[in-house]
């Protein structure tokens, strides 16, 4: 089966994750501790999801010229 973690994080979780990311906690470690996928945490870090809550800018990977 595919990932079934969509929507399993609450606002309080996301706020805590955002703070931990700022403190340098690794994405993989947070994914394991919250029981969600690496991609879920990475999307928060990149501002792709929950940006309205975290205030993070949407980061786009730099394209190589």
N, C-alpha and C. Protein backbone atom coordinates (compact mmCIF):
# COMPACT_ATOMS: atom_id res chain seq x y z
N UNK A 1 0.82 -1.21 0.00
CA UNK A 1 0.00 0.00 0.00
C UNK A 1 0.85 1.25 0.00
N UNK A 2 0.26 2.34 -0.41
CA UNK A 2 0.96 3.62 -0.45
C UNK A 2 0.94 4.29 0.91
N UNK A 3 1.51 5.47 0.99
CA UNK A 3 1.51 6.19 2.26
C UNK A 3 0.10 6.58 2.66
N UNK A 4 -0.21 6.36 3.92
CA UNK A 4 -1.54 6.69 4.41
C UNK A 4 -1.44 7.75 5.50
N UNK A 5 -0.37 8.56 5.44
CA UNK A 5 -0.14 9.50 6.52
C UNK A 5 -0.71 10.89 6.22
N UNK A 6 -1.33 11.06 5.05
CA UNK A 6 -1.83 12.38 4.69
C UNK A 6 -2.89 12.82 5.69
N UNK A 7 -2.67 13.98 6.29
CA UNK A 7 -3.65 14.49 7.23
C UNK A 7 -3.49 13.98 8.65
N UNK A 8 -2.43 13.16 8.89
CA UNK A 8 -2.30 12.61 10.23
C UNK A 8 -1.59 13.56 11.19
N UNK A 9 -1.00 14.63 10.66
CA UNK A 9 -0.34 15.60 11.53
C UNK A 9 -1.33 16.69 11.92
N UNK A 10 -1.33 17.04 13.19
CA UNK A 10 -2.16 18.14 13.66
C UNK A 10 -1.34 19.43 13.65
N UNK A 11 -2.02 20.55 13.78
CA UNK A 11 -1.32 21.83 13.76
C UNK A 11 -0.23 21.88 14.82
N UNK A 12 -0.53 21.38 16.01
CA UNK A 12 0.47 21.40 17.08
C UNK A 12 1.70 20.58 16.70
N UNK A 13 1.46 19.44 16.01
CA UNK A 13 2.57 18.60 15.56
C UNK A 13 3.44 19.38 14.58
N UNK A 14 2.78 20.05 13.65
CA UNK A 14 3.52 20.78 12.61
C UNK A 14 4.33 21.92 13.22
N UNK A 15 3.74 22.61 14.19
CA UNK A 15 4.49 23.68 14.87
C UNK A 15 5.72 23.11 15.56
N UNK A 16 5.56 21.97 16.21
CA UNK A 16 6.69 21.34 16.91
C UNK A 16 7.74 20.88 15.90
N UNK A 17 7.30 20.27 14.80
CA UNK A 17 8.22 19.81 13.76
C UNK A 17 8.99 20.99 13.19
N UNK A 18 8.29 22.08 12.91
CA UNK A 18 8.92 23.27 12.36
C UNK A 18 10.01 23.77 13.30
N UNK A 19 9.72 23.81 14.60
CA UNK A 19 10.71 24.26 15.57
C UNK A 19 11.91 23.33 15.62
N UNK A 20 11.65 22.02 15.60
CA UNK A 20 12.73 21.04 15.65
C UNK A 20 13.61 21.12 14.40
N UNK A 21 12.98 21.35 13.25
CA UNK A 21 13.76 21.52 12.02
C UNK A 21 14.69 22.72 12.16
N UNK A 22 14.18 23.80 12.74
CA UNK A 22 15.00 25.00 12.92
C UNK A 22 16.16 24.74 13.87
N UNK A 23 15.96 23.79 14.78
CA UNK A 23 17.01 23.44 15.74
C UNK A 23 18.00 22.42 15.17
N UNK A 24 17.74 21.98 13.94
CA UNK A 24 18.69 21.10 13.28
C UNK A 24 18.39 19.61 13.37
N UNK A 25 17.19 19.27 13.85
CA UNK A 25 16.83 17.85 13.89
C UNK A 25 16.64 17.35 12.46
N UNK A 26 17.13 16.15 12.18
CA UNK A 26 17.08 15.61 10.82
C UNK A 26 15.67 15.22 10.41
N UNK A 27 15.38 15.41 9.12
CA UNK A 27 14.07 15.09 8.57
C UNK A 27 13.69 13.63 8.84
N UNK A 28 14.65 12.72 8.60
CA UNK A 28 14.37 11.30 8.79
C UNK A 28 14.02 10.95 10.23
N UNK A 29 14.70 11.60 11.17
CA UNK A 29 14.44 11.34 12.58
C UNK A 29 13.03 11.81 12.96
N UNK A 30 12.63 12.97 12.44
CA UNK A 30 11.29 13.48 12.72
C UNK A 30 10.22 12.59 12.08
N UNK A 31 10.49 12.13 10.87
CA UNK A 31 9.53 11.26 10.19
C UNK A 31 9.29 9.99 11.02
N UNK A 32 10.38 9.41 11.53
CA UNK A 32 10.23 8.21 12.35
C UNK A 32 9.47 8.50 13.64
N UNK A 33 9.81 9.60 14.30
CA UNK A 33 9.20 9.85 15.60
C UNK A 33 7.72 10.21 15.48
N UNK A 34 7.32 10.82 14.35
CA UNK A 34 5.91 11.17 14.16
C UNK A 34 5.14 10.12 13.35
N UNK A 35 5.84 9.10 12.88
CA UNK A 35 5.17 8.03 12.14
C UNK A 35 4.66 8.45 10.78
N UNK A 36 5.35 9.39 10.15
CA UNK A 36 4.97 9.82 8.81
C UNK A 36 6.15 9.61 7.87
N UNK A 37 5.93 9.84 6.58
CA UNK A 37 6.99 9.60 5.61
C UNK A 37 8.01 10.73 5.61
N UNK A 38 9.19 10.41 5.11
CA UNK A 38 10.24 11.41 4.94
C UNK A 38 9.71 12.58 4.11
N UNK A 39 8.95 12.24 3.04
CA UNK A 39 8.44 13.27 2.14
C UNK A 39 7.52 14.24 2.87
N UNK A 40 6.76 13.74 3.85
CA UNK A 40 5.83 14.59 4.60
C UNK A 40 6.60 15.67 5.36
N UNK A 41 7.67 15.26 6.04
CA UNK A 41 8.47 16.23 6.80
C UNK A 41 9.23 17.14 5.85
N UNK A 42 9.76 16.57 4.79
CA UNK A 42 10.53 17.35 3.82
C UNK A 42 9.65 18.45 3.20
N UNK A 43 8.40 18.12 2.91
CA UNK A 43 7.48 19.10 2.33
C UNK A 43 7.23 20.25 3.29
N UNK A 44 7.16 19.95 4.59
CA UNK A 44 7.02 21.01 5.59
C UNK A 44 8.27 21.89 5.58
N UNK A 45 9.43 21.25 5.54
CA UNK A 45 10.69 21.99 5.57
C UNK A 45 10.84 22.89 4.35
N UNK A 46 10.36 22.40 3.20
CA UNK A 46 10.49 23.15 1.96
C UNK A 46 9.37 24.17 1.76
N UNK A 47 8.42 24.23 2.69
CA UNK A 47 7.32 25.17 2.56
C UNK A 47 6.26 24.75 1.56
N UNK A 48 6.31 23.47 1.13
CA UNK A 48 5.33 23.00 0.15
C UNK A 48 3.98 22.71 0.82
N UNK A 49 4.02 22.34 2.10
CA UNK A 49 2.79 22.12 2.85
C UNK A 49 2.87 22.89 4.16
N UNK A 50 1.73 23.28 4.68
CA UNK A 50 1.62 23.95 5.99
C UNK A 50 2.32 25.30 6.05
N UNK A 51 2.70 25.88 4.90
CA UNK A 51 3.44 27.14 4.92
C UNK A 51 2.60 28.25 5.56
N UNK A 52 1.28 28.16 5.40
CA UNK A 52 0.39 29.15 6.02
C UNK A 52 0.50 29.11 7.54
N UNK A 53 0.89 27.97 8.07
CA UNK A 53 1.01 27.82 9.52
C UNK A 53 2.43 28.13 10.00
N UNK A 54 3.41 27.64 9.26
CA UNK A 54 4.80 27.78 9.71
C UNK A 54 5.41 29.12 9.30
N UNK A 55 4.81 29.77 8.30
CA UNK A 55 5.36 31.01 7.80
C UNK A 55 6.63 30.82 6.98
N UNK A 56 6.90 29.57 6.62
CA UNK A 56 8.10 29.30 5.82
C UNK A 56 7.88 29.73 4.38
N UNK A 57 8.91 30.31 3.76
CA UNK A 57 8.79 30.59 2.32
C UNK A 57 8.84 29.28 1.55
N UNK A 58 8.20 29.26 0.40
CA UNK A 58 8.26 28.07 -0.44
C UNK A 58 9.62 28.05 -1.11
N UNK A 59 10.40 27.02 -0.82
CA UNK A 59 11.74 26.90 -1.39
C UNK A 59 11.70 26.02 -2.63
N UNK A 60 12.36 26.46 -3.65
CA UNK A 60 12.44 25.64 -4.86
C UNK A 60 13.88 25.26 -5.07
N UNK A 61 14.12 23.99 -5.40
CA UNK A 61 15.51 23.57 -5.64
C UNK A 61 16.09 24.40 -6.78
N UNK A 62 17.33 24.81 -6.61
CA UNK A 62 17.97 25.64 -7.63
C UNK A 62 18.29 24.80 -8.87
N UNK A 63 17.91 25.33 -10.02
CA UNK A 63 18.21 24.62 -11.26
C UNK A 63 19.63 24.95 -11.67
N UNK A 64 20.35 23.94 -12.10
CA UNK A 64 21.72 24.15 -12.56
C UNK A 64 21.68 24.76 -13.97
N UNK A 65 22.45 25.81 -14.15
CA UNK A 65 22.48 26.48 -15.47
C UNK A 65 23.33 25.68 -16.43
